[in-house]
PDB file of N, CA and C in Angstrom:
ATOM      1  N   MET A   1     -96.206 -34.655 -33.258  1.00  0.00           N
ATOM      2  CA  MET A   1     -96.900 -35.460 -31.988  1.00  0.00           C
ATOM      3  C   MET A   1     -96.569 -34.952 -30.933  1.00  0.00           C
ATOM      4  N   ALA A   2     -95.032 -34.982 -30.909  1.00  0.00           N
ATOM      5  CA  ALA A   2     -94.835 -34.782 -28.986  1.00  0.00           C
ATOM      6  C   ALA A   2     -94.962 -33.026 -28.791  1.00  0.00           C
ATOM      7  N   THR A   3     -95.259 -32.216 -29.505  1.00  0.00           N
ATOM      8  CA  THR A   3     -95.943 -30.947 -29.087  1.00  0.00           C
ATOM      9  C   THR A   3     -97.037 -31.192 -28.988  1.00  0.00           C
ATOM     10  N   ARG A   4     -97.789 -31.612 -29.809  1.00  0.00           N
ATOM     11  CA  ARG A   4     -99.102 -31.648 -29.569  1.00  0.00           C
ATOM     12  C   ARG A   4     -99.996 -32.275 -28.267  1.00  0.00           C
ATOM     13  N   HIS A   5     -98.936 -33.167 -27.690  1.00  0.00           N
ATOM     14  CA  HIS A   5     -99.283 -33.298 -26.560  1.00  0.00           C
ATOM     15  C   HIS A   5     -98.558 -32.938 -25.108  1.00  0.00           C
ATOM     16  N   GLY A   6     -97.793 -32.210 -25.948  1.00  0.00           N
ATOM     17  CA  GLY A   6     -96.843 -30.991 -24.514  1.00  0.00           C
ATOM     18  C   GLY A   6     -95.968 -31.537 -24.253  1.00  0.00           C
ATOM     19  N   LEU A   7     -94.987 -32.538 -24.624  1.00  0.00           N
ATOM     20  CA  LEU A   7     -93.837 -33.088 -24.898  1.00  0.00           C
ATOM     21  C   LEU A   7     -92.762 -32.666 -25.462  1.00  0.00           C
ATOM     22  N   PRO A   8     -91.308 -32.458 -24.742  1.00  0.00           N
ATOM     23  CA  PRO A   8     -90.601 -32.004 -25.035  1.00  0.00           C
ATOM     24  C   PRO A   8     -89.849 -33.175 -26.353  1.00  0.00           C
ATOM     25  N   GLY A   9     -89.816 -32.707 -27.739  1.00  0.00           N
ATOM     26  CA  GLY A   9     -89.474 -33.236 -28.401  1.00  0.00           C
ATOM     27  C   GLY A   9     -87.492 -33.475 -28.963  1.00  0.00           C
ATOM     28  N   LEU A  10     -86.290 -34.020 -28.180  1.00  0.00           N
ATOM     29  CA  LEU A  10     -85.207 -33.982 -28.375  1.00  0.00           C
ATOM     30  C   LEU A  10     -84.871 -34.972 -29.784  1.00  0.00           C
ATOM     31  N   PHE A  11     -84.016 -34.562 -30.473  1.00  0.00           N
ATOM     32  CA  PHE A  11     -83.719 -35.149 -31.960  1.00  0.00           C
ATOM     33  C   PHE A  11     -82.479 -34.905 -32.472  1.00  0.00           C
ATOM     34  N   HIS A  12     -82.052 -35.989 -33.073  1.00  0.00           N
ATOM     35  CA  HIS A  12     -80.883 -36.182 -33.729  1.00  0.00           C
ATOM     36  C   HIS A  12     -80.367 -34.643 -35.040  1.00  0.00           C
ATOM     37  N   SER A  13     -81.383 -33.980 -35.150  1.00  0.00           N
ATOM     38  CA  SER A  13     -80.816 -33.682 -36.537  1.00  0.00           C
ATOM     39  C   SER A  13     -81.726 -32.153 -36.148  1.00  0.00           C
ATOM     40  N   ARG A  14     -81.167 -30.746 -37.113  1.00  0.00           N
ATOM     41  CA  ARG A  14     -81.411 -29.473 -36.651  1.00  0.00           C
ATOM     42  C   ARG A  14     -82.948 -29.756 -37.550  1.00  0.00           C
ATOM     43  N   GLY A  15     -82.823 -29.909 -38.819  1.00  0.00           N
ATOM     44  CA  GLY A  15     -83.634 -30.065 -39.242  1.00  0.00           C
ATOM     45  C   GLY A  15     -85.817 -30.176 -38.922  1.00  0.00           C
ATOM     46  N   PHE A  16     -85.414 -31.182 -37.346  1.00  0.00           N
ATOM     47  CA  PHE A  16     -86.625 -31.609 -36.847  1.00  0.00           C
ATOM     48  C   PHE A  16     -86.776 -30.374 -35.669  1.00  0.00           C
ATOM     49  N   VAL A  17     -86.147 -29.586 -35.434  1.00  0.00           N
ATOM     50  CA  VAL A  17     -85.733 -28.443 -34.496  1.00  0.00           C
ATOM     51  C   VAL A  17     -86.259 -27.242 -35.318  1.00  0.00           C
ATOM     52  N   VAL A  18     -86.299 -26.828 -36.486  1.00  0.00           N
ATOM     53  CA  VAL A  18     -86.722 -25.886 -37.378  1.00  0.00           C
ATOM     54  C   VAL A  18     -88.159 -26.309 -37.672  1.00  0.00           C
ATOM     55  N   GLY A  19     -89.093 -27.850 -37.921  1.00  0.00           N
ATOM     56  CA  GLY A  19     -90.060 -27.838 -37.780  1.00  0.00           C
ATOM     57  C   GLY A  19     -90.846 -28.080 -36.661  1.00  0.00           C
ATOM     58  N   GLY A  20     -90.103 -27.496 -35.317  1.00  0.00           N
ATOM     59  CA  GLY A  20     -90.944 -27.124 -33.759  1.00  0.00           C
ATOM     60  C   GLY A  20     -90.372 -28.255 -32.743  1.00  0.00           C
ATOM     61  N   GLY A  21     -89.411 -29.071 -33.064  1.00  0.00           N
ATOM     62  CA  GLY A  21     -89.361 -29.848 -31.574  1.00  0.00           C
ATOM     63  C   GLY A  21     -88.489 -28.783 -30.977  1.00  0.00           C
ATOM     64  N   LEU A  22     -87.737 -28.919 -29.785  1.00  0.00           N
ATOM     65  CA  LEU A  22     -87.580 -28.602 -28.687  1.00  0.00           C
ATOM     66  C   LEU A  22     -85.677 -28.616 -29.099  1.00  0.00           C
ATOM     67  N   ALA A  23     -84.953 -29.401 -29.029  1.00  0.00           N
ATOM     68  CA  ALA A  23     -83.902 -29.187 -29.225  1.00  0.00           C
ATOM     69  C   ALA A  23     -83.528 -30.751 -30.272  1.00  0.00           C
ATOM     70  N   SER A  24     -81.816 -30.590 -30.144  1.00  0.00           N
ATOM     71  CA  SER A  24     -81.853 -31.579 -31.018  1.00  0.00           C
ATOM     72  C   SER A  24     -79.978 -31.505 -30.696  1.00  0.00           C
ATOM     73  N   PHE A  25     -79.325 -33.219 -30.773  1.00  0.00           N
ATOM     74  CA  PHE A  25     -78.168 -32.742 -30.549  1.00  0.00           C
ATOM     75  C   PHE A  25     -77.509 -34.159 -31.333  1.00  0.00           C
ATOM     76  N   GLY A  26     -76.602 -33.798 -32.233  1.00  0.00           N
ATOM     77  CA  GLY A  26     -76.032 -34.585 -33.421  1.00  0.00           C
ATOM     78  C   GLY A  26     -74.844 -33.631 -34.285  1.00  0.00           C
ATOM     79  N   ALA A  27     -74.449 -34.788 -35.198  1.00  0.00           N
ATOM     80  CA  ALA A  27     -73.446 -34.094 -36.221  1.00  0.00           C
ATOM     81  C   ALA A  27     -74.289 -32.785 -37.208  1.00  0.00           C
ATOM     82  N   ASN A  28     -73.327 -32.276 -37.819  1.00  0.00           N
ATOM     83  CA  ASN A  28     -73.803 -30.941 -38.396  1.00  0.00           C
ATOM     84  C   ASN A  28     -73.715 -31.927 -39.612  1.00  0.00           C
ATOM     85  N   MET A  29     -74.964 -32.187 -40.237  1.00  0.00           N
ATOM     86  CA  MET A  29     -75.167 -32.843 -41.820  1.00  0.00           C
ATOM     87  C   MET A  29     -74.442 -31.870 -42.590  1.00  0.00           C
ATOM     88  N   TYR A  30     -74.150 -30.924 -42.711  1.00  0.00           N
ATOM     89  CA  TYR A  30     -73.495 -30.030 -43.885  1.00  0.00           C
ATOM     90  C   TYR A  30     -71.887 -30.427 -43.657  1.00  0.00           C
ATOM     91  N   GLU A  31     -71.425 -30.792 -42.635  1.00  0.00           N
ATOM     92  CA  GLU A  31     -70.301 -30.725 -42.084  1.00  0.00           C
ATOM     93  C   GLU A  31     -70.066 -31.712 -42.725  1.00  0.00           C
ATOM     94  N   THR A  32     -70.681 -32.951 -42.386  1.00  0.00           N
ATOM     95  CA  THR A  32     -70.125 -33.897 -42.566  1.00  0.00           C
ATOM     96  C   THR A  32     -70.070 -34.488 -44.295  1.00  0.00           C
ATOM     97  N   PHE A  33     -71.126 -33.900 -45.081  1.00  0.00           N
ATOM     98  CA  PHE A  33     -71.336 -34.386 -46.228  1.00  0.00           C
ATOM     99  C   PHE A  33     -70.055 -33.371 -46.934  1.00  0.00           C
ATOM    100  N   ARG A  34     -69.464 -32.093 -46.291  1.00  0.00           N
ATOM    101  CA  ARG A  34     -68.156 -31.732 -46.923  1.00  0.00           C
ATOM    102  C   ARG A  34     -67.205 -32.359 -46.813  1.00  0.00           C
ATOM    103  N   GLN A  35     -67.193 -32.974 -45.547  1.00  0.00           N
ATOM    104  CA  GLN A  35     -65.861 -33.974 -45.602  1.00  0.00           C
ATOM    105  C   GLN A  35     -65.664 -35.173 -46.289  1.00  0.00           C
ATOM    106  N   VAL A  36     -67.194 -35.718 -46.758  1.00  0.00           N
ATOM    107  CA  VAL A  36     -67.390 -37.028 -47.374  1.00  0.00           C
ATOM    108  C   VAL A  36     -66.721 -36.628 -49.032  1.00  0.00           C
ATOM    109  N   ALA A  37     -67.659 -35.208 -49.379  1.00  0.00           N
ATOM    110  CA  ALA A  37     -66.989 -34.892 -50.368  1.00  0.00           C
ATOM    111  C   ALA A  37     -65.390 -34.637 -50.519  1.00  0.00           C
ATOM    112  N   GLY A  38     -64.617 -34.394 -49.737  1.00  0.00           N
ATOM    113  CA  GLY A  38     -63.408 -33.781 -49.651  1.00  0.00           C
ATOM    114  C   GLY A  38     -62.548 -35.510 -49.567  1.00  0.00           C
ATOM    115  N   TYR A  39     -63.487 -36.903 -49.282  1.00  0.00           N
ATOM    116  CA  TYR A  39     -62.649 -37.824 -48.458  1.00  0.00           C
ATOM    117  C   TYR A  39     -62.841 -38.553 -50.305  1.00  0.00           C
ATOM    118  N   VAL A  40     -63.950 -38.274 -51.430  1.00  0.00           N
ATOM    119  CA  VAL A  40     -64.085 -38.864 -52.603  1.00  0.00           C
ATOM    120  C   VAL A  40     -63.002 -38.442 -53.001  1.00  0.00           C
ATOM    121  N   ASP A  41     -63.036 -37.071 -53.279  1.00  0.00           N
ATOM    122  CA  ASP A  41     -62.085 -36.216 -54.040  1.00  0.00           C
ATOM    123  C   ASP A  41     -60.848 -36.836 -53.791  1.00  0.00           C
ATOM    124  N   ARG A  42     -60.059 -36.882 -52.728  1.00  0.00           N
ATOM    125  CA  ARG A  42     -58.716 -37.794 -52.678  1.00  0.00           C
ATOM    126  C   ARG A  42     -58.756 -39.165 -52.902  1.00  0.00           C
ATOM    127  N   ILE A  43     -59.942 -39.855 -52.691  1.00  0.00           N
ATOM    128  CA  ILE A  43     -59.706 -40.985 -53.097  1.00  0.00           C
ATOM    129  C   ILE A  43     -59.860 -41.967 -54.336  1.00  0.00           C
ATOM    130  N   LEU A  44     -60.657 -40.894 -55.329  1.00  0.00           N
ATOM    131  CA  LEU A  44     -60.437 -40.236 -56.948  1.00  0.00           C
ATOM    132  C   LEU A  44     -58.954 -40.218 -57.150  1.00  0.00           C
ATOM    133  N   SER A  45     -58.844 -38.900 -56.915  1.00  0.00           N
ATOM    134  CA  SER A  45     -56.945 -38.463 -56.824  1.00  0.00           C
ATOM    135  C   SER A  45     -56.031 -39.560 -56.906  1.00  0.00           C
ATOM    136  N   GLY A  46     -56.392 -40.771 -56.190  1.00  0.00           N
ATOM    137  CA  GLY A  46     -55.608 -41.991 -56.099  1.00  0.00           C
ATOM    138  C   GLY A  46     -55.108 -42.033 -54.458  1.00  0.00           C
ATOM    139  N   THR A  47     -55.142 -41.404 -53.798  1.00  0.00           N
ATOM    140  CA  THR A  47     -54.785 -41.872 -52.350  1.00  0.00           C
ATOM    141  C   THR A  47     -55.133 -43.157 -51.627  1.00  0.00           C
ATOM    142  N   ARG A  48     -54.569 -43.993 -51.320  1.00  0.00           N
ATOM    143  CA  ARG A  48     -54.921 -45.067 -50.922  1.00  0.00           C
ATOM    144  C   ARG A  48     -56.187 -44.842 -49.173  1.00  0.00           C
ATOM    145  N   VAL A  49     -57.177 -45.474 -49.003  1.00  0.00           N
ATOM    146  CA  VAL A  49     -58.018 -45.561 -47.625  1.00  0.00           C
ATOM    147  C   VAL A  49     -57.052 -45.256 -46.909  1.00  0.00           C
ATOM    148  N   SER A  50     -56.796 -46.105 -46.918  1.00  0.00           N
ATOM    149  CA  SER A  50     -55.494 -46.481 -45.490  1.00  0.00           C
ATOM    150  C   SER A  50     -54.698 -45.013 -45.016  1.00  0.00           C
ATOM    151  N   GLU A  51     -54.129 -44.173 -46.182  1.00  0.00           N
ATOM    152  CA  GLU A  51     -53.762 -42.812 -45.971  1.00  0.00           C
ATOM    153  C   GLU A  51     -54.663 -41.644 -45.480  1.00  0.00           C
ATOM    154  N   LEU A  52     -55.527 -42.370 -45.454  1.00  0.00           N
ATOM    155  CA  LEU A  52     -56.961 -40.955 -44.797  1.00  0.00           C
ATOM    156  C   LEU A  52     -56.849 -40.638 -43.366  1.00  0.00           C
ATOM    157  N   PRO A  53     -57.137 -39.776 -43.073  1.00  0.00           N
ATOM    158  CA  PRO A  53     -56.807 -39.486 -41.319  1.00  0.00           C
ATOM    159  C   PRO A  53     -58.345 -40.110 -41.073  1.00  0.00           C
ATOM    160  N   PHE A  54     -58.480 -40.206 -39.841  1.00  0.00           N
ATOM    161  CA  PHE A  54     -59.689 -40.079 -39.272  1.00  0.00           C
ATOM    162  C   PHE A  54     -60.181 -39.156 -38.658  1.00  0.00           C
ATOM    163  N   GLN A  55     -61.212 -38.349 -39.425  1.00  0.00           N
ATOM    164  CA  GLN A  55     -61.461 -37.182 -38.944  1.00  0.00           C
ATOM    165  C   GLN A  55     -63.333 -37.618 -37.825  1.00  0.00           C
ATOM    166  N   ARG A  56     -63.380 -36.947 -37.054  1.00  0.00           N
ATOM    167  CA  ARG A  56     -64.494 -37.000 -36.014  1.00  0.00           C
ATOM    168  C   ARG A  56     -65.472 -35.775 -36.133  1.00  0.00           C
ATOM    169  N   GLN A  57     -66.182 -35.965 -36.079  1.00  0.00           N
ATOM    170  CA  GLN A  57     -67.649 -35.094 -35.983  1.00  0.00           C
ATOM    171  C   GLN A  57     -68.114 -34.838 -34.531  1.00  0.00           C
ATOM    172  N   HIS A  58     -68.004 -33.728 -34.091  1.00  0.00           N
ATOM    173  CA  HIS A  58     -68.446 -32.899 -33.019  1.00  0.00           C
ATOM    174  C   HIS A  58     -69.815 -32.730 -33.066  1.00  0.00           C
ATOM    175  N   GLY A  59     -70.791 -33.258 -31.821  1.00  0.00           N
ATOM    176  CA  GLY A  59     -72.194 -33.350 -31.416  1.00  0.00           C
ATOM    177  C   GLY A  59     -72.473 -31.443 -31.817  1.00  0.00           C
ATOM    178  N   GLU A  60     -73.315 -30.792 -32.151  1.00  0.00           N
ATOM    179  CA  GLU A  60     -73.867 -29.248 -31.783  1.00  0.00           C
ATOM    180  C   GLU A  60     -75.063 -29.858 -31.154  1.00  0.00           C
ATOM    181  N   LEU A  61     -75.683 -28.813 -30.627  1.00  0.00           N
ATOM    182  CA  LEU A  61     -77.042 -28.605 -29.821  1.00  0.00           C
ATOM    183  C   LEU A  61     -77.368 -26.945 -30.357  1.00  0.00           C
ATOM    184  N   VAL A  62     -78.580 -27.150 -31.124  1.00  0.00           N
ATOM    185  CA  VAL A  62     -79.947 -26.415 -31.680  1.00  0.00           C
ATOM    186  C   VAL A  62     -80.719 -26.443 -31.054  1.00  0.00           C
ATOM    187  N   VAL A  63     -81.145 -25.174 -30.331  1.00  0.00           N
ATOM    188  CA  VAL A  63     -82.309 -25.085 -29.509  1.00  0.00           C
ATOM    189  C   VAL A  63     -83.381 -24.125 -30.356  1.00  0.00           C
ATOM    190  N   ASN A  64     -85.056 -24.709 -29.911  1.00  0.00           N
ATOM    191  CA  ASN A  64     -86.136 -23.893 -30.388  1.00  0.00           C
ATOM    192  C   ASN A  64     -86.420 -23.325 -29.427  1.00  0.00           C
ATOM    193  N   MET A  65     -85.804 -21.680 -29.111  1.00  0.00           N
ATOM    194  CA  MET A  65     -86.868 -21.047 -27.787  1.00  0.00           C
ATOM    195  C   MET A  65     -88.266 -21.290 -28.249  1.00  0.00           C
ATOM    196  N   LYS A  66     -88.617 -21.120 -29.114  1.00  0.00           N
ATOM    197  CA  LYS A  66     -90.609 -20.990 -29.258  1.00  0.00           C
ATOM    198  C   LYS A  66     -91.086 -22.141 -29.031  1.00  0.00           C
ATOM    199  N   ALA A  67     -90.503 -23.147 -29.136  1.00  0.00           N
ATOM    200  CA  ALA A  67     -91.057 -24.543 -28.631  1.00  0.00           C
ATOM    201  C   ALA A  67     -90.714 -24.600 -27.297  1.00  0.00           C
ATOM    202  N   ALA A  68     -89.704 -23.827 -26.353  1.00  0.00           N
ATOM    203  CA  ALA A  68     -89.689 -24.012 -25.085  1.00  0.00           C
ATOM    204  C   ALA A  68     -90.648 -23.387 -24.806  1.00  0.00           C
ATOM    205  N   ARG A  69     -91.077 -22.179 -25.401  1.00  0.00           N
ATOM    206  CA  ARG A  69     -92.107 -21.236 -24.491  1.00  0.00           C
ATOM    207  C   ARG A  69     -93.488 -21.677 -24.328  1.00  0.00           C
ATOM    208  N   GLU A  70     -93.770 -21.944 -25.870  1.00  0.00           N
ATOM    209  CA  GLU A  70     -95.035 -22.591 -25.804  1.00  0.00           C
ATOM    210  C   GLU A  70     -95.276 -24.177 -24.816  1.00  0.00           C
ATOM    211  N   LEU A  71     -93.930 -24.724 -24.292  1.00  0.00           N
ATOM    212  CA  LEU A  71     -94.101 -25.990 -23.487  1.00  0.00           C
ATOM    213  C   LEU A  71     -93.817 -25.751 -22.124  1.00  0.00           C
ATOM    214  N   GLY A  72     -93.567 -24.254 -22.085  1.00  0.00           N
ATOM    215  CA  GLY A  72     -93.701 -23.726 -20.107  1.00  0.00           C
ATOM    216  C   GLY A  72     -92.245 -24.088 -19.955  1.00  0.00           C
ATOM    217  N   ILE A  73     -91.510 -24.342 -20.407  1.00  0.00           N
ATOM    218  CA  ILE A  73     -89.733 -24.617 -20.438  1.00  0.00           C
ATOM    219  C   ILE A  73     -88.998 -23.301 -20.289  1.00  0.00           C
ATOM    220  N   GLN A  74     -88.460 -23.202 -19.194  1.00  0.00           N
ATOM    221  CA  GLN A  74     -87.510 -22.681 -19.005  1.00  0.00           C
ATOM    222  C   GLN A  74     -85.841 -23.022 -18.697  1.00  0.00           C
ATOM    223  N   LEU A  75     -85.073 -22.526 -19.841  1.00  0.00           N
ATOM    224  CA  LEU A  75     -83.602 -22.887 -20.076  1.00  0.00           C
ATOM    225  C   LEU A  75     -82.934 -21.662 -19.843  1.00  0.00           C
ATOM    226  N   SER A  76     -81.914 -23.192 -19.275  1.00  0.00           N
ATOM    227  CA  SER A  76     -80.864 -21.840 -18.282  1.00  0.00           C
ATOM    228  C   SER A  76     -79.912 -21.254 -19.589  1.00  0.00           C
ATOM    229  N   HIS A  77     -79.341 -19.966 -19.167  1.00  0.00           N
ATOM    230  CA  HIS A  77     -78.317 -19.659 -19.873  1.00  0.00           C
ATOM    231  C   HIS A  77     -77.338 -20.051 -20.440  1.00  0.00           C
ATOM    232  N   THR A  78     -76.621 -20.747 -18.961  1.00  0.00           N
ATOM    233  CA  THR A  78     -75.565 -21.547 -19.341  1.00  0.00           C
ATOM    234  C   THR A  78     -75.768 -22.900 -20.900  1.00  0.00           C
ATOM    235  N   PHE A  79     -77.329 -23.387 -20.293  1.00  0.00           N
ATOM    236  CA  PHE A  79     -77.690 -24.348 -21.417  1.00  0.00           C
ATOM    237  C   PHE A  79     -77.322 -23.698 -22.719  1.00  0.00           C
ATOM    238  N   LEU A  80     -78.418 -22.575 -23.178  1.00  0.00           N
ATOM    239  CA  LEU A  80     -78.290 -21.780 -23.956  1.00  0.00           C
ATOM    240  C   LEU A  80     -77.017 -21.438 -24.775  1.00  0.00           C
ATOM    241  N   ALA A  81     -75.945 -21.193 -23.861  1.00  0.00           N
ATOM    242  CA  ALA A  81     -74.947 -21.039 -24.028  1.00  0.00           C
ATOM    243  C   ALA A  81     -73.508 -21.879 -24.954  1.00  0.00           C
ATOM    244  N   ARG A  82     -74.177 -23.122 -24.772  1.00  0.00           N
ATOM    245  CA  ARG A  82     -73.642 -24.520 -25.257  1.00  0.00           C
ATOM    246  C   ARG A  82     -74.255 -24.530 -26.591  1.00  0.00           C
ATOM    247  N   ALA A  83     -75.102 -23.541 -26.911  1.00  0.00           N
ATOM    248  CA  ALA A  83     -75.822 -24.529 -28.463  1.00  0.00           C
ATOM    249  C   ALA A  83     -75.254 -23.554 -29.679  1.00  0.00           C
ATOM    250  N   ALA A  84     -75.012 -24.342 -30.447  1.00  0.00           N
ATOM    251  CA  ALA A  84     -74.650 -23.929 -31.645  1.00  0.00           C
ATOM    252  C   ALA A  84     -75.227 -22.873 -32.385  1.00  0.00           C
ATOM    253  N   GLU A  85     -76.669 -22.946 -31.860  1.00  0.00           N
ATOM    254  CA  GLU A  85     -77.698 -22.095 -32.640  1.00  0.00           C
ATOM    255  C   GLU A  85     -79.149 -21.790 -31.577  1.00  0.00           C
ATOM    256  N   VAL A  86     -79.639 -21.438 -31.647  1.00  0.00           N
ATOM    257  CA  VAL A  86     -80.854 -20.707 -30.737  1.00  0.00           C
ATOM    258  C   VAL A  86     -81.887 -20.528 -32.065  1.00  0.00           C
ATOM    259  N   ILE A  87     -83.155 -20.942 -32.067  1.00  0.00           N
ATOM    260  CA  ILE A  87     -84.103 -20.555 -32.990  1.00  0.00           C
ATOM    261  C   ILE A  87     -85.000 -19.938 -32.504  1.00  0.00           C
ATOM    262  N   GLU A  88     -85.080 -18.673 -33.043  1.00  0.00           N
ATOM    263  CA  GLU A  88     -86.231 -18.008 -31.913  1.00  0.00           C
ATOM    264  C   GLU A  88     -87.817 -18.350 -32.446  1.00  0.00           C
TER     265      GLU A  88
END
């Protein structure tokens, strides 16, 4: 809907950018699920929850260049260099 009305869409996950959104910034869900699986394995193997280390997910930036072109937005090279993924 945002694209239809010429508005840039900023989202929390990569899937929206693949679907046509301009950009997303959020945790990599695949990495999150991988970490959760590791925690579940350790808990089921007898590790106490209090013994598990705290793990923090860092946000990743994903940009859709086709959406940027359609919206007439020029993104700086500095901004694109910070992106974990640029979709053409």
